[in-house]
Amino acid sequence: MEVKKYIGWIFISISLTLFIPQQLLAQQKYTAQSYIQANKDAAIKYMKEYGIPASIILGIAYHESAHGNSKLATYLNNHFGIKGKNNSTKIKSAYKGYDSVEDSYFDFVNLIESRKQFNVLIDKYGPGNYKDWVFGIARGGYAASSKWASQVIAIIDKHKLYELDENPASQSNVQLADSQNNYTVKKGDSLSELARRFQTTVSDIKDKNKLTSSNLQIGQELML
């Protein structure tokens, strides 16, 4: 009798699983870290080809797609919130559909490169200060929310995505760069910001580089 009850419960459990809505099964496909690991190579590739920082590409994708778990990302492979046509029978949406995640990444890069309000950022900043990039894209009308820029910057800072811009070849796990590496000062850098980013102190940076002032020059080489 007990065996029959046990088998019955197994049958019920399997039946319930089969009838769980597909969208629920699709949720949380990615963790924050697994999303970064899955897509950082594409971001780095497009940075090298087009001069758009990898941190910008990956940070915006992370934000717009809820690190790959939004409905648009799940059903349309849309990771940047770009509007357009789609042929999906699973979701009704005014947003663009893609055959693959990387197609979505490429379309974003193409958008930045082809539209004047964004294209000017490539020559103005290059793969440099990510904060200027984020605010520049926001000013260009990419997002309606006044909080969008600060939210994207918070993601880049939290996951240290800016490290992909500085030394992409060595960032297999998006970890801090070697403390003995040289760093080239970029627009907007300060000793306090670099100390925070590389987990050191202002006095230590000044001592290593024999600096008598906290003023930095763009292009200046520092040992961190």
N, C-alpha and C. Protein backbone atom coordinates (compact mmCIF):
# COMPACT_ATOMS: atom_id res chain seq x y z
N MET A 1 0.83 -1.20 0.00
CA MET A 1 0.00 0.00 0.00
C MET A 1 0.86 1.26 0.00
N GLU A 2 1.90 1.25 0.87
CA GLU A 2 2.79 2.39 0.96
C GLU A 2 3.52 2.61 -0.35
N VAL A 3 3.89 1.51 -1.02
CA VAL A 3 4.59 1.60 -2.31
C VAL A 3 3.69 2.28 -3.33
N LYS A 4 2.40 1.91 -3.35
CA LYS A 4 1.46 2.51 -4.29
C LYS A 4 1.32 4.01 -4.05
N LYS A 5 1.26 4.41 -2.75
CA LYS A 5 1.17 5.83 -2.42
C LYS A 5 2.40 6.58 -2.92
N TYR A 6 3.56 5.97 -2.70
CA TYR A 6 4.83 6.60 -3.10
C TYR A 6 4.88 6.81 -4.61
N ILE A 7 4.48 5.75 -5.34
CA ILE A 7 4.47 5.84 -6.81
C ILE A 7 3.47 6.91 -7.27
N GLY A 8 2.34 6.97 -6.56
CA GLY A 8 1.33 7.97 -6.90
C GLY A 8 1.85 9.39 -6.74
N TRP A 9 2.60 9.62 -5.65
CA TRP A 9 3.15 10.96 -5.42
C TRP A 9 4.18 11.31 -6.50
N ILE A 10 4.97 10.35 -6.92
CA ILE A 10 5.96 10.58 -7.98
C ILE A 10 5.24 10.98 -9.27
N PHE A 11 4.16 10.27 -9.59
CA PHE A 11 3.39 10.56 -10.81
C PHE A 11 2.82 11.97 -10.76
N ILE A 12 2.28 12.35 -9.61
CA ILE A 12 1.71 13.70 -9.46
C ILE A 12 2.78 14.76 -9.62
N SER A 13 3.95 14.53 -9.01
CA SER A 13 5.05 15.49 -9.08
C SER A 13 5.51 15.70 -10.52
N ILE A 14 5.65 14.59 -11.25
CA ILE A 14 6.08 14.68 -12.65
C ILE A 14 5.04 15.42 -13.48
N SER A 15 3.76 15.12 -13.22
CA SER A 15 2.68 15.76 -13.97
C SER A 15 2.67 17.27 -13.75
N LEU A 16 2.85 17.68 -12.49
CA LEU A 16 2.87 19.11 -12.18
C LEU A 16 4.03 19.80 -12.86
N THR A 17 5.19 19.14 -12.88
CA THR A 17 6.37 19.71 -13.52
C THR A 17 6.13 19.94 -15.00
N LEU A 18 5.46 19.00 -15.64
CA LEU A 18 5.22 19.11 -17.08
C LEU A 18 4.29 20.27 -17.42
N PHE A 19 3.45 20.66 -16.45
CA PHE A 19 2.49 21.72 -16.73
C PHE A 19 2.91 23.08 -16.18
N ILE A 20 4.16 23.19 -15.67
CA ILE A 20 4.67 24.49 -15.25
C ILE A 20 4.82 25.38 -16.48
N PRO A 21 4.32 26.60 -16.47
CA PRO A 21 4.45 27.48 -17.64
C PRO A 21 5.90 27.61 -18.06
N GLN A 22 6.11 27.63 -19.38
CA GLN A 22 7.46 27.66 -19.91
C GLN A 22 8.24 28.88 -19.45
N GLN A 23 7.55 30.04 -19.30
CA GLN A 23 8.27 31.23 -18.91
C GLN A 23 8.85 31.12 -17.51
N LEU A 24 8.20 30.33 -16.65
CA LEU A 24 8.74 30.14 -15.31
C LEU A 24 10.00 29.30 -15.35
N LEU A 25 10.01 28.30 -16.23
CA LEU A 25 11.20 27.47 -16.36
C LEU A 25 12.35 28.26 -16.94
N ALA A 26 12.02 29.27 -17.73
CA ALA A 26 13.06 30.06 -18.39
C ALA A 26 13.69 31.09 -17.46
N GLN A 27 13.01 31.43 -16.37
CA GLN A 27 13.52 32.45 -15.47
C GLN A 27 14.82 32.01 -14.81
N GLN A 28 15.63 33.04 -14.51
CA GLN A 28 16.91 32.82 -13.84
C GLN A 28 17.80 31.84 -14.60
N LYS A 29 17.82 32.00 -15.90
CA LYS A 29 18.73 31.21 -16.71
C LYS A 29 20.17 31.54 -16.36
N TYR A 30 20.42 32.81 -16.05
CA TYR A 30 21.76 33.27 -15.72
C TYR A 30 21.82 33.78 -14.28
N THR A 31 22.95 33.56 -13.65
CA THR A 31 23.30 34.34 -12.46
C THR A 31 24.04 35.57 -12.97
N ALA A 32 24.28 36.53 -12.10
CA ALA A 32 25.01 37.73 -12.52
C ALA A 32 26.36 37.36 -13.10
N GLN A 33 27.08 36.50 -12.39
CA GLN A 33 28.44 36.17 -12.83
C GLN A 33 28.44 35.30 -14.08
N SER A 34 27.50 34.38 -14.19
CA SER A 34 27.49 33.52 -15.38
C SER A 34 27.13 34.32 -16.63
N TYR A 35 26.30 35.35 -16.46
CA TYR A 35 25.98 36.21 -17.61
C TYR A 35 27.22 36.97 -18.08
N ILE A 36 27.97 37.50 -17.14
CA ILE A 36 29.19 38.23 -17.48
C ILE A 36 30.17 37.31 -18.18
N GLN A 37 30.37 36.13 -17.64
CA GLN A 37 31.32 35.18 -18.23
C GLN A 37 30.88 34.74 -19.62
N ALA A 38 29.58 34.61 -19.83
CA ALA A 38 29.07 34.14 -21.12
C ALA A 38 29.20 35.18 -22.22
N ASN A 39 29.23 36.47 -21.85
CA ASN A 39 29.14 37.52 -22.87
C ASN A 39 30.30 38.50 -22.90
N LYS A 40 31.25 38.36 -21.99
CA LYS A 40 32.36 39.32 -21.95
C LYS A 40 33.24 39.24 -23.18
N ASP A 41 33.40 38.05 -23.75
CA ASP A 41 34.26 37.92 -24.93
C ASP A 41 33.69 38.69 -26.12
N ALA A 42 32.37 38.65 -26.27
CA ALA A 42 31.74 39.42 -27.35
C ALA A 42 31.94 40.91 -27.12
N ALA A 43 31.81 41.34 -25.86
CA ALA A 43 31.99 42.76 -25.54
C ALA A 43 33.42 43.21 -25.84
N ILE A 44 34.38 42.37 -25.47
CA ILE A 44 35.80 42.69 -25.73
C ILE A 44 36.07 42.73 -27.23
N LYS A 45 35.52 41.78 -27.96
CA LYS A 45 35.73 41.73 -29.41
C LYS A 45 35.24 43.01 -30.07
N TYR A 46 34.05 43.45 -29.71
CA TYR A 46 33.50 44.65 -30.33
C TYR A 46 34.21 45.91 -29.86
N MET A 47 34.75 45.89 -28.64
CA MET A 47 35.56 47.02 -28.19
C MET A 47 36.79 47.18 -29.09
N LYS A 48 37.45 46.06 -29.37
CA LYS A 48 38.65 46.10 -30.20
C LYS A 48 38.33 46.52 -31.63
N GLU A 49 37.18 46.11 -32.12
CA GLU A 49 36.82 46.41 -33.51
C GLU A 49 36.26 47.81 -33.71
N TYR A 50 35.53 48.32 -32.71
CA TYR A 50 34.81 49.58 -32.91
C TYR A 50 35.18 50.69 -31.93
N GLY A 51 35.96 50.39 -30.90
CA GLY A 51 36.39 51.42 -29.96
C GLY A 51 35.37 51.77 -28.90
N ILE A 52 34.35 50.96 -28.75
CA ILE A 52 33.35 51.16 -27.69
C ILE A 52 33.77 50.32 -26.49
N PRO A 53 33.90 50.90 -25.30
CA PRO A 53 34.38 50.14 -24.15
C PRO A 53 33.57 48.87 -23.89
N ALA A 54 34.26 47.79 -23.57
CA ALA A 54 33.58 46.53 -23.25
C ALA A 54 32.68 46.70 -22.03
N SER A 55 33.11 47.55 -21.10
CA SER A 55 32.30 47.78 -19.89
C SER A 55 30.96 48.41 -20.25
N ILE A 56 30.95 49.27 -21.26
CA ILE A 56 29.72 49.91 -21.71
C ILE A 56 28.80 48.89 -22.37
N ILE A 57 29.35 48.11 -23.27
CA ILE A 57 28.56 47.11 -23.99
C ILE A 57 27.95 46.11 -23.02
N LEU A 58 28.79 45.56 -22.15
CA LEU A 58 28.32 44.52 -21.23
C LEU A 58 27.45 45.11 -20.12
N GLY A 59 27.82 46.30 -19.63
CA GLY A 59 27.04 46.92 -18.56
C GLY A 59 25.62 47.28 -18.99
N ILE A 60 25.49 47.81 -20.20
CA ILE A 60 24.16 48.16 -20.71
C ILE A 60 23.34 46.90 -20.98
N ALA A 61 23.98 45.89 -21.56
CA ALA A 61 23.29 44.62 -21.81
C ALA A 61 22.80 44.01 -20.50
N TYR A 62 23.66 44.02 -19.50
CA TYR A 62 23.31 43.48 -18.18
C TYR A 62 22.08 44.20 -17.63
N HIS A 63 22.10 45.52 -17.72
CA HIS A 63 21.01 46.32 -17.16
C HIS A 63 19.71 46.12 -17.93
N GLU A 64 19.78 46.22 -19.26
CA GLU A 64 18.58 46.16 -20.08
C GLU A 64 17.94 44.77 -20.11
N SER A 65 18.75 43.73 -19.92
CA SER A 65 18.22 42.36 -20.02
C SER A 65 18.04 41.68 -18.67
N ALA A 66 18.24 42.45 -17.56
CA ALA A 66 18.20 41.82 -16.22
C ALA A 66 19.17 40.64 -16.19
N HIS A 67 20.41 40.90 -16.58
CA HIS A 67 21.48 39.93 -16.81
C HIS A 67 20.97 38.64 -17.47
N GLY A 68 20.30 38.87 -18.61
CA GLY A 68 19.89 37.77 -19.48
C GLY A 68 18.60 37.08 -19.13
N ASN A 69 17.88 37.57 -18.11
CA ASN A 69 16.69 36.87 -17.63
C ASN A 69 15.37 37.57 -17.94
N SER A 70 15.41 38.69 -18.63
CA SER A 70 14.16 39.39 -18.96
C SER A 70 13.40 38.61 -20.03
N LYS A 71 12.13 38.93 -20.21
CA LYS A 71 11.33 38.28 -21.25
C LYS A 71 11.88 38.58 -22.63
N LEU A 72 12.33 39.82 -22.84
CA LEU A 72 12.89 40.18 -24.15
C LEU A 72 14.14 39.37 -24.45
N ALA A 73 14.96 39.17 -23.43
CA ALA A 73 16.18 38.38 -23.63
C ALA A 73 15.85 36.91 -23.83
N THR A 74 14.89 36.41 -23.07
CA THR A 74 14.54 34.99 -23.13
C THR A 74 13.89 34.61 -24.46
N TYR A 75 12.94 35.43 -24.92
CA TYR A 75 12.16 35.06 -26.10
C TYR A 75 12.62 35.71 -27.40
N LEU A 76 13.33 36.84 -27.30
CA LEU A 76 13.73 37.57 -28.51
C LEU A 76 15.24 37.71 -28.66
N ASN A 77 16.00 37.21 -27.69
CA ASN A 77 17.45 37.42 -27.67
C ASN A 77 17.79 38.91 -27.70
N ASN A 78 16.89 39.74 -27.20
CA ASN A 78 17.10 41.19 -27.19
C ASN A 78 17.67 41.59 -25.84
N HIS A 79 18.94 41.98 -25.83
CA HIS A 79 19.63 42.29 -24.58
C HIS A 79 19.87 43.78 -24.38
N PHE A 80 19.38 44.62 -25.30
CA PHE A 80 19.65 46.05 -25.21
C PHE A 80 18.40 46.92 -25.28
N GLY A 81 17.23 46.31 -25.30
CA GLY A 81 16.00 47.08 -25.32
C GLY A 81 15.79 47.87 -26.60
N ILE A 82 16.31 47.37 -27.71
CA ILE A 82 16.16 48.05 -29.00
C ILE A 82 14.82 47.65 -29.62
N LYS A 83 14.07 48.64 -30.07
CA LYS A 83 12.75 48.38 -30.66
C LYS A 83 12.86 48.01 -32.13
N GLY A 84 11.89 47.25 -32.61
CA GLY A 84 11.88 46.82 -34.01
C GLY A 84 10.96 45.63 -34.20
N LYS A 85 11.05 44.99 -35.33
CA LYS A 85 10.18 43.87 -35.66
C LYS A 85 10.69 42.56 -35.07
N ASN A 86 9.76 41.65 -34.82
CA ASN A 86 10.12 40.29 -34.41
C ASN A 86 9.06 39.34 -34.93
N ASN A 87 9.42 38.08 -35.03
CA ASN A 87 8.50 37.05 -35.53
C ASN A 87 8.11 36.05 -34.45
N SER A 88 8.24 36.46 -33.20
CA SER A 88 7.98 35.54 -32.10
C SER A 88 6.49 35.20 -31.98
N THR A 89 6.22 33.93 -31.72
CA THR A 89 4.85 33.48 -31.44
C THR A 89 4.65 33.30 -29.93
N LYS A 90 5.71 33.56 -29.15
CA LYS A 90 5.66 33.34 -27.71
C LYS A 90 5.42 34.62 -26.92
N ILE A 91 5.69 35.76 -27.55
CA ILE A 91 5.55 37.02 -26.84
C ILE A 91 5.13 38.11 -27.82
N LYS A 92 4.18 38.95 -27.41
CA LYS A 92 3.79 40.10 -28.22
C LYS A 92 4.60 41.29 -27.73
N SER A 93 5.37 41.88 -28.63
CA SER A 93 6.28 42.94 -28.21
C SER A 93 6.62 43.85 -29.38
N ALA A 94 6.90 45.11 -29.06
CA ALA A 94 7.34 46.08 -30.07
C ALA A 94 8.86 46.10 -30.17
N TYR A 95 9.50 45.14 -29.51
CA TYR A 95 10.96 45.11 -29.50
C TYR A 95 11.51 44.12 -30.52
N LYS A 96 12.71 44.39 -30.95
CA LYS A 96 13.34 43.64 -32.04
C LYS A 96 13.73 42.23 -31.62
N GLY A 97 13.56 41.28 -32.53
CA GLY A 97 13.97 39.91 -32.28
C GLY A 97 15.26 39.58 -33.01
N TYR A 98 16.07 38.70 -32.42
CA TYR A 98 17.36 38.32 -33.00
C TYR A 98 17.50 36.80 -33.02
N ASP A 99 18.30 36.32 -33.95
CA ASP A 99 18.55 34.88 -34.04
C ASP A 99 19.46 34.39 -32.92
N SER A 100 20.30 35.28 -32.39
CA SER A 100 21.23 34.88 -31.34
C SER A 100 21.52 36.07 -30.44
N VAL A 101 22.10 35.78 -29.28
CA VAL A 101 22.48 36.84 -28.35
C VAL A 101 23.53 37.74 -28.98
N GLU A 102 24.51 37.15 -29.66
CA GLU A 102 25.57 37.97 -30.25
C GLU A 102 25.02 38.89 -31.34
N ASP A 103 23.98 38.47 -32.04
CA ASP A 103 23.35 39.36 -33.02
C ASP A 103 22.82 40.62 -32.34
N SER A 104 22.29 40.44 -31.14
CA SER A 104 21.80 41.58 -30.37
C SER A 104 22.95 42.50 -29.99
N TYR A 105 24.06 41.90 -29.57
CA TYR A 105 25.25 42.70 -29.21
C TYR A 105 25.74 43.48 -30.42
N PHE A 106 25.80 42.82 -31.57
CA PHE A 106 26.28 43.49 -32.78
C PHE A 106 25.36 44.64 -33.17
N ASP A 107 24.06 44.44 -33.03
CA ASP A 107 23.11 45.49 -33.40
C ASP A 107 23.28 46.72 -32.52
N PHE A 108 23.57 46.50 -31.25
CA PHE A 108 23.81 47.63 -30.35
C PHE A 108 25.05 48.40 -30.78
N VAL A 109 26.12 47.67 -31.07
CA VAL A 109 27.36 48.31 -31.52
C VAL A 109 27.11 49.10 -32.81
N ASN A 110 26.35 48.51 -33.70
CA ASN A 110 26.03 49.17 -34.97
C ASN A 110 25.20 50.44 -34.73
N LEU A 111 24.31 50.39 -33.75
CA LEU A 111 23.51 51.55 -33.39
C LEU A 111 24.40 52.69 -32.90
N ILE A 112 25.35 52.36 -32.02
CA ILE A 112 26.25 53.38 -31.49
C ILE A 112 27.11 53.97 -32.60
N GLU A 113 27.57 53.12 -33.49
CA GLU A 113 28.47 53.58 -34.55
C GLU A 113 27.74 54.39 -35.62
N SER A 114 26.49 54.08 -35.87
CA SER A 114 25.79 54.67 -37.02
C SER A 114 25.00 55.94 -36.69
N ARG A 115 24.72 56.18 -35.42
CA ARG A 115 23.93 57.36 -35.06
C ARG A 115 24.84 58.48 -34.53
N LYS A 116 24.67 59.65 -35.09
CA LYS A 116 25.58 60.76 -34.83
C LYS A 116 25.72 61.09 -33.35
N GLN A 117 24.60 61.08 -32.62
CA GLN A 117 24.65 61.49 -31.22
C GLN A 117 25.46 60.51 -30.36
N PHE A 118 25.63 59.29 -30.86
CA PHE A 118 26.43 58.30 -30.14
C PHE A 118 27.82 58.15 -30.76
N ASN A 119 27.90 58.25 -32.07
CA ASN A 119 29.16 58.05 -32.78
C ASN A 119 30.24 59.01 -32.32
N VAL A 120 29.85 60.24 -31.98
CA VAL A 120 30.84 61.23 -31.56
C VAL A 120 31.58 60.80 -30.30
N LEU A 121 30.98 59.92 -29.52
CA LEU A 121 31.60 59.47 -28.27
C LEU A 121 32.84 58.63 -28.55
N ILE A 122 32.86 57.93 -29.69
CA ILE A 122 34.00 57.07 -30.02
C ILE A 122 35.26 57.90 -30.18
N ASP A 123 35.16 59.02 -30.92
CA ASP A 123 36.31 59.89 -31.11
C ASP A 123 36.61 60.71 -29.86
N LYS A 124 35.57 61.05 -29.12
CA LYS A 124 35.74 61.92 -27.95
C LYS A 124 36.37 61.18 -26.78
N TYR A 125 35.94 59.95 -26.54
CA TYR A 125 36.39 59.22 -25.37
C TYR A 125 37.18 57.95 -25.69
N GLY A 126 36.97 57.36 -26.87
CA GLY A 126 37.61 56.07 -27.16
C GLY A 126 37.16 55.06 -26.11
N PRO A 127 37.97 54.02 -25.88
CA PRO A 127 37.61 53.04 -24.84
C PRO A 127 38.08 53.50 -23.47
N GLY A 128 37.90 54.79 -23.17
CA GLY A 128 38.41 55.37 -21.93
C GLY A 128 37.39 55.43 -20.83
N ASN A 129 37.11 56.62 -20.34
CA ASN A 129 36.28 56.81 -19.16
C ASN A 129 34.85 56.33 -19.37
N TYR A 130 34.51 55.25 -18.71
CA TYR A 130 33.19 54.64 -18.92
C TYR A 130 32.06 55.52 -18.42
N LYS A 131 32.32 56.33 -17.39
CA LYS A 131 31.27 57.19 -16.86
C LYS A 131 30.87 58.24 -17.88
N ASP A 132 31.86 58.84 -18.55
CA ASP A 132 31.54 59.80 -19.60
C ASP A 132 30.74 59.15 -20.72
N TRP A 133 31.09 57.91 -21.03
CA TRP A 133 30.36 57.17 -22.06
C TRP A 133 28.90 56.98 -21.66
N VAL A 134 28.67 56.55 -20.44
CA VAL A 134 27.30 56.28 -19.99
C VAL A 134 26.46 57.56 -20.04
N PHE A 135 27.01 58.65 -19.51
CA PHE A 135 26.26 59.91 -19.53
C PHE A 135 26.06 60.42 -20.95
N GLY A 136 27.05 60.20 -21.82
CA GLY A 136 26.92 60.61 -23.21
C GLY A 136 25.81 59.85 -23.92
N ILE A 137 25.73 58.54 -23.68
CA ILE A 137 24.67 57.73 -24.29
C ILE A 137 23.31 58.13 -23.74
N ALA A 138 23.26 58.43 -22.44
CA ALA A 138 22.00 58.88 -21.83
C ALA A 138 21.55 60.21 -22.43
N ARG A 139 22.49 61.14 -22.60
CA ARG A 139 22.15 62.44 -23.20
C ARG A 139 21.68 62.29 -24.65
N GLY A 140 22.17 61.25 -25.31
CA GLY A 140 21.77 61.01 -26.69
C GLY A 140 20.37 60.45 -26.83
N GLY A 141 19.70 60.19 -25.71
CA GLY A 141 18.31 59.75 -25.74
C GLY A 141 18.12 58.24 -25.75
N TYR A 142 19.14 57.50 -25.31
CA TYR A 142 19.02 56.04 -25.35
C TYR A 142 17.93 55.53 -24.40
N ALA A 143 17.81 56.17 -23.25
CA ALA A 143 16.82 55.72 -22.26
C ALA A 143 16.04 56.91 -21.73
N ALA A 144 14.80 56.67 -21.35
CA ALA A 144 13.93 57.75 -20.86
C ALA A 144 14.14 58.03 -19.38
N SER A 145 14.54 57.04 -18.62
CA SER A 145 14.66 57.19 -17.17
C SER A 145 15.84 58.08 -16.79
N SER A 146 15.61 59.00 -15.87
CA SER A 146 16.68 59.87 -15.39
C SER A 146 17.68 59.10 -14.52
N LYS A 147 17.28 57.91 -14.07
CA LYS A 147 18.15 57.09 -13.22
C LYS A 147 19.00 56.11 -14.03
N TRP A 148 18.76 56.03 -15.32
CA TRP A 148 19.40 55.02 -16.16
C TRP A 148 20.91 55.06 -16.07
N ALA A 149 21.50 56.24 -16.21
CA ALA A 149 22.96 56.36 -16.21
C ALA A 149 23.56 55.88 -14.90
N SER A 150 22.99 56.33 -13.78
CA SER A 150 23.53 55.93 -12.48
C SER A 150 23.36 54.43 -12.24
N GLN A 151 22.30 53.85 -12.77
CA GLN A 151 22.08 52.41 -12.61
C GLN A 151 23.11 51.60 -13.40
N VAL A 152 23.40 52.03 -14.63
CA VAL A 152 24.40 51.33 -15.44
C VAL A 152 25.79 51.47 -14.82
N ILE A 153 26.13 52.67 -14.35
CA ILE A 153 27.43 52.89 -13.71
C ILE A 153 27.56 52.01 -12.47
N ALA A 154 26.48 51.89 -11.70
CA ALA A 154 26.51 51.05 -10.49
C ALA A 154 26.81 49.60 -10.84
N ILE A 155 26.25 49.11 -11.95
CA ILE A 155 26.52 47.74 -12.40
C ILE A 155 27.98 47.58 -12.79
N ILE A 156 28.49 48.53 -13.56
CA ILE A 156 29.89 48.47 -13.99
C ILE A 156 30.83 48.49 -12.79
N ASP A 157 30.52 49.34 -11.81
CA ASP A 157 31.36 49.42 -10.61
C ASP A 157 31.26 48.15 -9.76
N LYS A 158 30.04 47.68 -9.56
CA LYS A 158 29.84 46.50 -8.70
C LYS A 158 30.58 45.28 -9.22
N HIS A 159 30.54 45.08 -10.53
CA HIS A 159 31.15 43.88 -11.12
C HIS A 159 32.52 44.15 -11.75
N LYS A 160 33.04 45.37 -11.50
CA LYS A 160 34.38 45.75 -11.98
C LYS A 160 34.54 45.53 -13.49
N LEU A 161 33.50 45.84 -14.22
CA LEU A 161 33.55 45.63 -15.67
C LEU A 161 34.55 46.55 -16.35
N TYR A 162 34.91 47.65 -15.69
CA TYR A 162 35.90 48.58 -16.27
C TYR A 162 37.25 47.90 -16.47
N GLU A 163 37.49 46.83 -15.75
CA GLU A 163 38.76 46.12 -15.92
C GLU A 163 38.88 45.50 -17.32
N LEU A 164 37.76 45.21 -17.93
CA LEU A 164 37.78 44.67 -19.29
C LEU A 164 38.30 45.71 -20.28
N ASP A 165 38.11 46.99 -19.96
CA ASP A 165 38.58 48.07 -20.83
C ASP A 165 40.09 48.24 -20.73
N GLU A 166 40.62 48.00 -19.53
CA GLU A 166 42.02 48.30 -19.26
C GLU A 166 42.97 47.21 -19.71
N ASN A 167 42.57 45.96 -19.49
CA ASN A 167 43.47 44.84 -19.80
C ASN A 167 42.64 43.63 -20.20
N PRO A 168 41.94 43.70 -21.33
CA PRO A 168 40.98 42.64 -21.70
C PRO A 168 41.58 41.26 -21.86
N ALA A 169 42.83 41.16 -22.27
CA ALA A 169 43.42 39.86 -22.55
C ALA A 169 43.57 39.01 -21.30
N SER A 170 43.71 39.65 -20.14
CA SER A 170 43.99 38.89 -18.92
C SER A 170 42.77 38.71 -18.03
N GLN A 171 41.59 39.18 -18.48
CA GLN A 171 40.43 39.17 -17.62
C GLN A 171 39.55 37.95 -17.80
N SER A 172 40.07 36.76 -17.53
CA SER A 172 39.28 35.54 -17.70
C SER A 172 38.16 35.43 -16.68
N ASN A 173 38.35 36.06 -15.52
CA ASN A 173 37.33 35.99 -14.48
C ASN A 173 36.93 37.37 -13.98
N VAL A 174 37.20 38.41 -14.75
CA VAL A 174 36.93 39.78 -14.36
C VAL A 174 37.47 40.02 -12.96
N GLN A 175 38.74 39.80 -12.79
CA GLN A 175 39.39 39.99 -11.52
C GLN A 175 40.25 41.25 -11.57
N LEU A 176 40.73 41.70 -10.43
CA LEU A 176 41.59 42.86 -10.39
C LEU A 176 42.88 42.59 -11.12
N ALA A 177 43.37 43.61 -11.81
CA ALA A 177 44.63 43.47 -12.52
C ALA A 177 45.77 43.31 -11.53
N ASP A 178 46.86 42.73 -11.98
CA ASP A 178 48.05 42.56 -11.17
C ASP A 178 48.48 43.90 -10.61
N SER A 179 48.79 43.93 -9.31
CA SER A 179 49.12 45.18 -8.66
C SER A 179 50.40 45.80 -9.18
N GLN A 180 51.22 45.03 -9.89
CA GLN A 180 52.46 45.55 -10.43
C GLN A 180 52.32 46.05 -11.86
N ASN A 181 51.13 45.96 -12.44
CA ASN A 181 50.94 46.39 -13.81
C ASN A 181 51.03 47.90 -13.93
N ASN A 182 51.47 48.36 -15.09
CA ASN A 182 51.44 49.79 -15.37
C ASN A 182 50.04 50.18 -15.82
N TYR A 183 49.68 51.40 -15.53
CA TYR A 183 48.36 51.91 -15.91
C TYR A 183 48.54 53.27 -16.58
N THR A 184 47.85 53.47 -17.69
CA THR A 184 47.90 54.75 -18.39
C THR A 184 46.72 55.61 -17.96
N VAL A 185 47.01 56.78 -17.45
CA VAL A 185 45.97 57.68 -16.95
C VAL A 185 45.05 58.12 -18.08
N LYS A 186 43.74 58.04 -17.82
CA LYS A 186 42.73 58.44 -18.79
C LYS A 186 41.97 59.66 -18.28
N LYS A 187 41.24 60.28 -19.18
CA LYS A 187 40.45 61.45 -18.81
C LYS A 187 39.49 61.10 -17.67
N GLY A 188 39.48 61.93 -16.63
CA GLY A 188 38.57 61.71 -15.52
C GLY A 188 39.18 60.92 -14.37
N ASP A 189 40.36 60.34 -14.57
CA ASP A 189 41.01 59.57 -13.50
C ASP A 189 41.50 60.49 -12.39
N SER A 190 41.49 59.97 -11.19
CA SER A 190 42.07 60.66 -10.04
C SER A 190 42.76 59.62 -9.18
N LEU A 191 43.66 60.06 -8.33
CA LEU A 191 44.36 59.11 -7.46
C LEU A 191 43.38 58.38 -6.54
N SER A 192 42.41 59.09 -6.02
CA SER A 192 41.46 58.45 -5.11
C SER A 192 40.62 57.39 -5.83
N GLU A 193 40.22 57.69 -7.09
CA GLU A 193 39.45 56.72 -7.88
C GLU A 193 40.30 55.50 -8.20
N LEU A 194 41.55 55.71 -8.59
CA LEU A 194 42.44 54.59 -8.91
C LEU A 194 42.74 53.76 -7.67
N ALA A 195 42.90 54.42 -6.54
CA ALA A 195 43.16 53.70 -5.29
C ALA A 195 41.98 52.79 -4.94
N ARG A 196 40.76 53.31 -5.11
CA ARG A 196 39.57 52.50 -4.84
C ARG A 196 39.48 51.35 -5.82
N ARG A 197 39.71 51.65 -7.11
CA ARG A 197 39.55 50.64 -8.15
C ARG A 197 40.54 49.50 -7.99
N PHE A 198 41.79 49.82 -7.62
CA PHE A 198 42.83 48.79 -7.54
C PHE A 198 43.10 48.35 -6.11
N GLN A 199 42.20 48.74 -5.21
CA GLN A 199 42.27 48.31 -3.81
C GLN A 199 43.63 48.61 -3.19
N THR A 200 44.02 49.86 -3.29
CA THR A 200 45.26 50.32 -2.68
C THR A 200 44.97 51.67 -2.04
N THR A 201 46.00 52.45 -1.76
CA THR A 201 45.80 53.77 -1.16
C THR A 201 46.47 54.84 -2.01
N VAL A 202 46.02 56.08 -1.83
CA VAL A 202 46.61 57.20 -2.57
C VAL A 202 48.09 57.33 -2.22
N SER A 203 48.40 57.22 -0.93
CA SER A 203 49.80 57.36 -0.51
C SER A 203 50.68 56.27 -1.10
N ASP A 204 50.14 55.05 -1.23
CA ASP A 204 50.92 53.95 -1.80
C ASP A 204 51.22 54.22 -3.28
N ILE A 205 50.21 54.70 -4.02
CA ILE A 205 50.42 55.03 -5.44
C ILE A 205 51.46 56.13 -5.57
N LYS A 206 51.37 57.16 -4.71
CA LYS A 206 52.32 58.27 -4.77
C LYS A 206 53.73 57.80 -4.44
N ASP A 207 53.83 56.90 -3.47
CA ASP A 207 55.16 56.39 -3.09
C ASP A 207 55.77 55.56 -4.22
N LYS A 208 54.97 54.67 -4.83
CA LYS A 208 55.47 53.81 -5.90
C LYS A 208 55.96 54.62 -7.10
N ASN A 209 55.28 55.74 -7.34
CA ASN A 209 55.57 56.52 -8.55
C ASN A 209 56.33 57.81 -8.25
N LYS A 210 56.72 57.97 -6.96
CA LYS A 210 57.49 59.15 -6.55
C LYS A 210 56.77 60.45 -6.94
N LEU A 211 55.48 60.48 -6.66
CA LEU A 211 54.68 61.66 -6.97
C LEU A 211 54.69 62.64 -5.80
N THR A 212 54.84 63.90 -6.11
CA THR A 212 54.81 64.93 -5.07
C THR A 212 53.48 65.69 -5.08
N SER A 213 52.65 65.41 -6.09
CA SER A 213 51.36 66.06 -6.23
C SER A 213 50.30 65.02 -6.57
N SER A 214 49.06 65.36 -6.27
CA SER A 214 47.96 64.45 -6.61
C SER A 214 47.41 64.70 -8.00
N ASN A 215 47.94 65.69 -8.68
CA ASN A 215 47.47 66.01 -10.03
C ASN A 215 48.00 64.98 -11.03
N LEU A 216 47.12 64.51 -11.92
CA LEU A 216 47.50 63.53 -12.94
C LEU A 216 47.34 64.14 -14.32
N GLN A 217 48.14 63.64 -15.26
CA GLN A 217 48.07 64.07 -16.64
C GLN A 217 47.58 62.91 -17.51
N ILE A 218 46.69 63.18 -18.46
CA ILE A 218 46.24 62.15 -19.38
C ILE A 218 47.44 61.58 -20.13
N GLY A 219 47.55 60.25 -20.15
CA GLY A 219 48.67 59.59 -20.82
C GLY A 219 49.82 59.27 -19.88
N GLN A 220 49.74 59.76 -18.65
CA GLN A 220 50.79 59.49 -17.66
C GLN A 220 50.79 58.01 -17.28
N GLU A 221 51.97 57.41 -17.17
CA GLU A 221 52.10 56.01 -16.79
C GLU A 221 52.28 55.90 -15.28
N LEU A 222 51.50 55.02 -14.68
CA LEU A 222 51.59 54.79 -13.24
C LEU A 222 51.81 53.32 -12.96
N MET A 223 52.55 53.03 -11.90
CA MET A 223 52.68 51.66 -11.41
C MET A 223 51.68 51.48 -10.28
N LEU A 224 50.82 50.46 -10.40
CA LEU A 224 49.76 50.24 -9.42
C LEU A 224 49.92 48.89 -8.74
